[in-house]
Protein backbone atom coordinates (compact mmCIF):
# COMPACT_ATOMS: atom_id res chain seq x y z
CA UNK A 1 -50.58 20.14 -3.57
CA UNK A 2 -46.85 20.70 -2.43
CA UNK A 3 -45.21 17.91 -0.28
CA UNK A 4 -42.12 18.87 1.56
CA UNK A 5 -39.47 16.62 3.42
CA UNK A 6 -36.77 17.66 4.73
CA UNK A 7 -33.62 15.68 7.60
CA UNK A 8 -31.36 17.08 9.78
CA UNK A 9 -27.55 15.74 8.44
CA UNK A 10 -25.97 17.43 12.23
CA UNK A 11 -23.54 20.48 11.78
CA UNK A 12 -26.51 23.26 11.59
CA UNK A 13 -27.07 21.17 8.31
CA UNK A 14 -30.74 19.64 6.34
CA UNK A 15 -31.56 18.30 3.24
CA UNK A 16 -35.16 18.33 1.53
CA UNK A 17 -37.15 16.76 -1.32
CA UNK A 18 -40.49 19.15 -2.45
CA UNK A 19 -43.06 17.19 -3.93
CA UNK A 20 -45.73 19.55 -6.18
CA UNK A 21 -49.03 18.14 -7.40
CA UNK A 22 -51.15 20.58 -10.10
CA UNK A 23 -54.59 19.68 -9.18
CA UNK A 24 -54.11 16.35 -6.81
CA UNK A 25 -53.28 15.27 -3.57
CA UNK A 26 -51.06 11.94 -1.69
CA UNK A 27 -53.61 9.47 0.06
CA UNK A 28 -50.85 7.64 1.87
CA UNK A 29 -48.47 9.69 2.76
CA UNK A 30 -45.83 7.40 4.79
CA UNK A 31 -45.45 5.49 1.43
CA UNK A 32 -44.33 9.07 -0.07
CA UNK A 33 -42.44 10.15 2.55
CA UNK A 34 -40.63 6.76 3.22
CA UNK A 35 -40.12 6.83 -0.09
CA UNK A 36 -38.31 10.39 0.10
CA UNK A 37 -36.87 8.89 3.22
CA UNK A 38 -35.02 5.83 1.25
CA UNK A 39 -34.23 8.46 -1.12
CA UNK A 40 -31.47 10.72 0.94
CA UNK A 41 -30.59 7.72 2.80
CA UNK A 42 -29.59 5.08 0.43
CA UNK A 43 -29.73 6.03 -2.52
CA UNK A 44 -27.86 10.04 -2.87
CA UNK A 45 -25.73 9.14 0.50
CA UNK A 46 -24.42 5.53 -0.85
CA UNK A 47 -24.15 7.03 -4.74
CA UNK A 48 -21.91 10.37 -2.45
CA UNK A 49 -24.32 12.37 -5.05
CA UNK A 50 -25.35 15.92 -2.85
CA UNK A 51 -24.27 14.49 0.21
CA UNK A 52 -21.27 11.95 1.23
CA UNK A 53 -20.02 10.88 4.61
CA UNK A 54 -16.12 12.98 4.91
CA UNK A 55 -13.07 11.28 6.96
CA UNK A 56 -14.61 12.06 10.57
CA UNK A 57 -18.14 10.32 9.80
CA UNK A 58 -20.18 12.87 9.18
CA UNK A 59 -22.56 13.48 6.83
CA UNK A 60 -21.59 15.98 4.86
CA UNK A 61 -23.32 18.35 1.38
CA UNK A 62 -20.93 17.13 -1.94
CA UNK A 63 -20.34 20.44 -3.32
CA UNK A 64 -19.62 23.80 -0.99
CA UNK A 65 -22.56 25.83 -3.79
CA UNK A 66 -24.82 22.05 -4.08
CA UNK A 67 -26.88 25.19 -6.43
CA UNK A 68 -24.30 24.60 -8.76
CA UNK A 69 -24.70 21.02 -8.83
CA UNK A 70 -26.97 21.21 -11.47
CA UNK A 71 -26.77 16.86 -12.86
CA UNK A 72 -27.64 15.40 -9.42
CA UNK A 73 -30.68 17.39 -9.08
CA UNK A 74 -31.10 16.46 -12.59
CA UNK A 75 -30.94 12.64 -11.29
CA UNK A 76 -33.39 13.55 -8.34
CA UNK A 77 -35.70 15.03 -10.32
CA UNK A 78 -35.33 12.14 -12.75
CA UNK A 79 -35.60 9.32 -9.73
CA UNK A 80 -38.56 10.62 -8.35
CA UNK A 81 -40.66 11.03 -11.95
CA UNK A 82 -40.18 7.74 -12.76
CA UNK A 83 -41.41 6.53 -9.40
CA UNK A 84 -44.46 8.60 -9.18
CA UNK A 85 -44.78 7.77 -13.39
CA UNK A 86 -45.00 3.83 -12.65
CA UNK A 87 -46.91 4.06 -9.08
CA UNK A 88 -49.62 6.41 -9.04
CA UNK A 89 -51.84 3.55 -7.68
CA UNK A 90 -48.91 2.90 -4.81
CA UNK A 91 -48.62 6.14 -3.18
CA UNK A 92 -52.23 6.70 -4.41
CA UNK A 93 -52.30 10.17 -6.76
CA UNK A 94 -56.08 11.18 -6.70
CA UNK A 95 -57.32 14.57 -8.06
CA UNK A 96 -57.83 17.37 -5.67
CA UNK A 97 -61.94 18.85 -5.96
CA UNK A 98 -61.12 21.60 -2.93
CA UNK A 99 -59.86 24.48 -2.93
CA UNK A 100 -57.91 26.71 -0.52
CA UNK A 101 -60.30 28.76 1.45
CA UNK A 102 -57.70 31.27 2.22
CA UNK A 103 -57.01 30.86 6.05
CA UNK A 104 -53.72 30.26 6.85
CA UNK A 105 -54.06 27.05 9.73
CA UNK A 106 -51.37 24.21 10.50
CA UNK A 107 -51.15 21.23 12.83
CA UNK A 108 -48.52 19.32 14.01
CA UNK A 109 -48.62 14.76 14.85
CA UNK A 110 -46.65 12.16 15.24
CA UNK A 111 -45.23 10.29 12.13
CA UNK A 112 -47.11 7.41 13.04
CA UNK A 113 -50.30 9.28 12.93
CA UNK A 114 -53.00 6.62 10.28
CA UNK A 115 -53.01 7.42 6.60
CA UNK A 116 -56.77 8.29 6.93
CA UNK A 117 -56.45 10.63 9.93
CA UNK A 118 -53.72 13.04 7.38
CA UNK A 119 -56.31 12.64 4.77
CA UNK A 120 -58.71 14.45 7.07
CA UNK A 121 -55.92 16.84 8.57
CA UNK A 122 -55.83 17.95 4.66
CA UNK A 123 -58.78 19.07 4.58
CA UNK A 124 -59.48 21.35 7.78
CA UNK A 125 -55.69 22.47 7.24
CA UNK A 126 -53.49 24.08 4.68
CA UNK A 127 -50.11 23.28 6.64
CA UNK A 128 -49.47 20.00 8.57
CA UNK A 129 -46.12 18.77 9.91
CA UNK A 130 -45.80 15.21 10.24
CA UNK A 131 -43.04 14.40 13.07
CA UNK A 132 -40.74 11.48 12.25
CA UNK A 133 -38.67 10.81 15.36
CA UNK A 134 -35.73 9.15 13.20
CA UNK A 135 -33.56 10.30 10.80
CA UNK A 136 -30.75 9.29 8.94
CA UNK A 137 -28.62 10.18 11.78
CA UNK A 138 -29.78 7.05 13.41
CA UNK A 139 -27.40 4.45 14.39
CA UNK A 140 -24.47 6.87 11.58
CA UNK A 141 -22.02 5.96 15.11
CA UNK A 142 -21.91 3.13 15.48
CA UNK A 143 -21.63 2.37 10.90
CA UNK A 144 -18.89 4.67 11.02
CA UNK A 145 -17.37 2.65 13.61
CA UNK A 146 -17.63 -0.55 12.15
CA UNK A 147 -16.59 1.13 8.52
CA UNK A 148 -12.87 1.96 10.20
CA UNK A 149 -12.44 -1.35 12.07
CA UNK A 150 -13.41 -2.77 8.67
CA UNK A 151 -10.35 -0.59 7.04
CA UNK A 152 -8.26 -1.80 10.17
CA UNK A 153 -8.46 -4.91 9.31
CA UNK A 154 -8.27 -4.74 5.90
CA UNK A 155 -4.71 -2.65 6.52
CA UNK A 156 -3.44 -5.23 9.01
CA UNK A 157 -4.38 -7.79 6.25
CA UNK A 158 -1.77 -5.71 3.58
CA UNK A 159 0.73 -5.89 6.09
CA UNK A 160 0.98 -9.04 6.89
CA UNK A 161 1.01 -10.10 2.72
CA UNK A 162 4.29 -7.07 2.30
CA UNK A 163 5.47 -8.72 5.30
CA UNK A 164 5.76 -11.92 3.38
CA UNK A 165 7.61 -10.65 0.87
CA UNK A 166 10.32 -9.00 2.29
CA UNK A 167 11.02 -12.32 3.70
CA UNK A 168 11.27 -14.17 0.84
CA UNK A 169 13.40 -11.40 -1.03
CA UNK A 170 15.27 -12.03 1.90
CA UNK A 171 16.05 -14.98 1.72
CA UNK A 172 16.28 -15.54 -1.94
CA UNK A 173 19.17 -12.51 -0.82
CA UNK A 174 21.22 -15.27 0.82
CA UNK A 175 20.72 -17.43 -1.85
CA UNK A 176 22.44 -15.25 -3.92
CA UNK A 177 24.85 -14.33 -1.74
CA UNK A 178 26.25 -18.35 -1.55
CA UNK A 179 26.28 -18.03 -5.67
CA UNK A 180 28.61 -15.60 -5.98
CA UNK A 181 30.67 -17.09 -3.60
CA UNK A 182 30.80 -20.31 -5.53
CA UNK A 183 31.61 -18.19 -9.16
CA UNK A 184 34.78 -16.21 -6.92
CA UNK A 185 36.14 -19.92 -5.44
CA UNK A 186 35.43 -20.82 -9.20
CA UNK A 187 37.37 -17.93 -10.32
CA UNK A 188 40.33 -19.11 -7.36
CA UNK A 189 39.94 -22.26 -9.56
CA UNK A 190 40.52 -21.15 -12.81
CA UNK A 191 43.83 -18.74 -11.18
CA UNK A 192 45.01 -21.89 -9.87
CA UNK A 193 45.23 -23.21 -13.44
CA UNK A 194 46.97 -20.63 -15.22
CA UNK A 195 49.49 -20.84 -13.42
CA UNK A 196 49.84 -24.49 -13.34
CA UNK A 197 50.00 -24.63 -16.23
CA UNK A 198 52.20 -22.53 -17.34
CA UNK A 199 55.65 -24.85 -17.41
CA UNK A 200 53.51 -26.90 -19.82
CA UNK A 201 53.22 -26.34 -23.64
CA UNK A 202 50.05 -26.02 -23.62
CA UNK A 203 50.62 -22.51 -21.88
CA UNK A 204 49.05 -20.68 -24.08
CA UNK A 205 45.67 -22.80 -24.95
CA UNK A 206 45.25 -23.12 -21.40
CA UNK A 207 45.47 -19.40 -21.29
CA UNK A 208 43.12 -18.89 -23.75
CA UNK A 209 40.61 -21.30 -22.19
CA UNK A 210 40.38 -19.34 -18.78
CA UNK A 211 40.59 -16.75 -20.12
CA UNK A 212 37.27 -16.78 -21.55
CA UNK A 213 36.18 -19.25 -17.81
CA UNK A 214 36.99 -15.60 -16.35
CA UNK A 215 35.01 -13.30 -18.93
CA UNK A 216 31.80 -15.94 -18.69
CA UNK A 217 31.75 -15.95 -14.55
CA UNK A 218 32.34 -12.14 -15.07
CA UNK A 219 29.25 -11.92 -16.52
CA UNK A 220 27.34 -14.43 -15.12
CA UNK A 221 28.53 -12.14 -11.75
CA UNK A 222 27.63 -9.43 -13.85
CA UNK A 223 24.00 -10.96 -13.90
CA UNK A 224 24.03 -11.09 -10.56
CA UNK A 225 25.07 -8.19 -10.05
CA UNK A 226 21.85 -6.94 -11.41
CA UNK A 227 19.55 -9.04 -9.89
CA UNK A 228 20.51 -8.75 -6.53
CA UNK A 229 20.34 -4.76 -7.30
CA UNK A 230 17.51 -5.25 -8.71
CA UNK A 231 15.86 -7.37 -5.81
CA UNK A 232 17.06 -4.88 -3.35
CA UNK A 233 15.48 -2.01 -4.73
CA UNK A 234 12.46 -4.10 -4.67
CA UNK A 235 13.04 -4.65 -0.84
CA UNK A 236 13.21 -0.66 -0.18
CA UNK A 237 9.33 -0.30 -2.37
CA UNK A 238 8.18 -2.51 -0.55
CA UNK A 239 9.42 -1.45 3.30
CA UNK A 240 8.48 1.78 1.98
CA UNK A 241 4.48 0.36 1.66
CA UNK A 242 4.37 -1.01 4.88
CA UNK A 243 5.18 2.07 6.28
CA UNK A 244 2.46 3.92 4.77
CA UNK A 245 0.08 1.21 5.58
CA UNK A 246 0.96 1.93 9.58
CA UNK A 247 0.67 5.36 9.12
CA UNK A 248 -2.71 4.45 7.49
CA UNK A 249 -3.27 2.20 10.39
CA UNK A 250 -2.34 4.60 12.88
CA UNK A 251 -4.87 6.77 11.17
CA UNK A 252 -7.37 4.41 11.50
CA UNK A 253 -7.15 4.04 14.74
CA UNK A 254 -6.67 7.55 15.67
CA UNK A 255 -10.46 7.85 14.46
CA UNK A 256 -11.91 5.19 15.68
CA UNK A 257 -11.01 6.58 19.62
CA UNK A 258 -11.61 10.00 18.64
CA UNK A 259 -15.85 8.99 18.49
CA UNK A 260 -15.36 6.25 21.11
CA UNK A 261 -14.11 9.77 23.17
CA UNK A 262 -16.84 12.14 21.92
CA UNK A 263 -19.85 9.54 21.76
CA UNK A 264 -19.15 6.66 24.29
CA UNK A 265 -22.53 5.76 24.11
CA UNK A 266 -25.43 4.71 21.18
CA UNK A 267 -28.89 6.08 22.03
CA UNK A 268 -30.92 3.07 20.10
CA UNK A 269 -34.16 4.47 21.83
CA UNK A 270 -36.42 5.50 24.72
CA UNK A 271 -39.52 5.42 26.50
CA UNK A 272 -41.62 7.07 29.21
CA UNK A 273 -44.19 7.06 31.00
CA UNK A 274 -44.74 11.00 32.84
CA UNK A 275 -47.84 8.97 35.32
CA UNK A 276 -45.31 7.27 37.12
CA UNK A 277 -41.91 9.43 36.21
CA UNK A 278 -40.63 6.88 35.32
CA UNK A 279 -38.09 7.05 31.90
CA UNK A 280 -36.29 4.79 29.90
CA UNK A 281 -33.46 4.82 27.78
CA UNK A 282 -32.14 1.71 25.30
CA UNK A 283 -27.93 2.19 24.31
CA UNK A 284 -25.28 0.39 22.95
CA UNK A 285 -22.11 0.99 23.69
CA UNK A 286 -18.91 -0.63 21.80
CA UNK A 287 -16.76 -0.82 24.81
CA UNK A 288 -17.24 -1.77 28.58
CA UNK A 289 -16.87 0.97 31.43
CA UNK A 290 -18.64 3.87 33.22
CA UNK A 291 -20.73 6.20 31.20
CA UNK A 292 -21.78 9.00 32.77
CA UNK A 293 -24.11 10.96 31.50
CA UNK A 294 -27.18 13.76 32.08
CA UNK A 295 -31.29 14.01 31.48
CA UNK A 296 -32.42 17.69 31.27
CA UNK A 297 -36.34 17.38 31.12
CA UNK A 298 -37.88 20.82 29.78
CA UNK A 299 -41.05 21.94 30.14
CA UNK A 300 -42.33 23.29 26.65
CA UNK A 301 -44.81 25.67 27.58
CA UNK A 302 -42.30 27.50 29.49
CA UNK A 303 -38.68 26.37 27.49
CA UNK A 304 -37.39 26.31 31.53
CA UNK A 305 -35.94 23.12 32.96
CA UNK A 306 -37.89 21.65 34.54
CA UNK A 307 -35.57 19.19 36.38
CA UNK A 308 -32.83 16.54 35.59
CA UNK A 309 -30.92 13.79 36.40
CA UNK A 310 -27.45 12.82 36.93
CA UNK A 311 -26.21 9.19 35.83
CA UNK A 312 -22.95 7.58 36.08
CA UNK A 313 -23.03 3.72 36.43
CA UNK A 314 -20.80 1.22 34.60
CA UNK A 315 -22.00 -0.73 31.32
CA UNK A 316 -20.88 -3.47 29.81
CA UNK A 317 -20.70 -3.88 25.80
CA UNK A 318 -23.32 -4.36 23.84
CA UNK A 319 -26.85 -3.01 24.27
CA UNK A 320 -28.66 -2.47 27.24
CA UNK A 321 -31.23 -0.76 29.03
CA UNK A 322 -31.64 2.03 31.74
CA UNK A 323 -33.90 3.38 33.74
CA UNK A 324 -34.22 6.93 35.66
CA UNK A 325 -36.63 7.78 38.13
CA UNK A 326 -37.39 11.29 38.80
CA UNK A 327 -38.83 12.59 41.91
CA UNK A 328 -40.86 15.59 40.86
CA UNK A 329 -44.42 15.03 39.49
CA UNK A 330 -45.26 15.40 35.70
CA UNK A 331 -48.50 17.33 34.12
CA UNK A 332 -49.87 14.67 31.93
CA UNK A 333 -51.70 17.27 29.77
CA UNK A 334 -48.63 19.39 28.85
CA UNK A 335 -45.32 18.27 26.97
CA UNK A 336 -41.72 18.17 27.94
CA UNK A 337 -38.99 17.78 25.93
CA UNK A 338 -35.83 15.56 27.77
CA UNK A 339 -32.44 15.78 26.70
CA UNK A 340 -29.97 13.58 27.29
CA UNK A 341 -26.28 14.74 27.50
CA UNK A 342 -23.32 13.28 27.43
CA UNK A 343 -20.41 16.25 29.01
CA UNK A 344 -21.41 19.59 26.67
CA UNK A 345 -22.96 17.71 23.89
CA UNK A 346 -26.70 16.29 23.51
CA UNK A 347 -26.36 12.92 22.31
CA UNK A 348 -29.71 11.83 21.92
CA UNK A 349 -33.67 12.85 23.09
CA UNK A 350 -37.31 12.20 22.70
CA UNK A 351 -40.19 14.35 23.53
CA UNK A 352 -43.78 13.45 25.54
């Protein structure tokens, strides 16, 4: 039996894992698919193996040619094989007693279909597609926004710390200037003493002492000048670091504003009653404001737009629900695809 789990990463990128069981099949299909989903969405994405987040918050492949990343592929195979070897009973690995009948037939079922029903379908169809509504893209924008907000907060903290260091260094600089002034006064005093004692018998001795004091004062001033130069260089370096931190903060804020302008709210769930023409959208909005969007209903058997409805209303920040009522009646025996558009982009939808 072949079991293939695939997920849409967005931007026309798809990643999947294929498991091949020789003369065996899985009884607990949902458990094996849940494990593969966790492997992709948590383990690989968190470690940046094969897939990763880029600076725009989108998911992309870690390398241009993923087939060259042999180490990552071996890592995935080791994880999967180890899990299967240790948890055969958990996944329900069972010997396959039936053989392929040569017929090409397939069936599509919902992700909530019971394992017992899927096992029966495996005996009847040689290809079964299980459609899971939730994928790796769920709540991606919200996570990126949260990450950018944490980054901005950390950058602000760094800037405040650097400003405090600069303030302390500025105070130290003023204190060293006062010390220099006192040494200059001392030099002047020494000079006065020199001229005072020129008329005395011990002129030569006093001159020698004064010269020694001058040399000591000069060395002290030279040392203080070196310290001041070091402090000034430190201040310049810290100012440059503050400038870099501010630029990073501006870049992070720009990324946050770009995400919020492209996707003003996040679809968290939908529900529909075809018989009453009622369609409910559950969504999350980071900020309060008027949100405009359109819902298109595609009739699957014709592929045409069956009906559509435009909505523009004020939304408070947080989670809320919006219910639409379509005037055109629906045939409950047919399938319809509901697409939610913001501008020229689809931000969500469902199939009923």
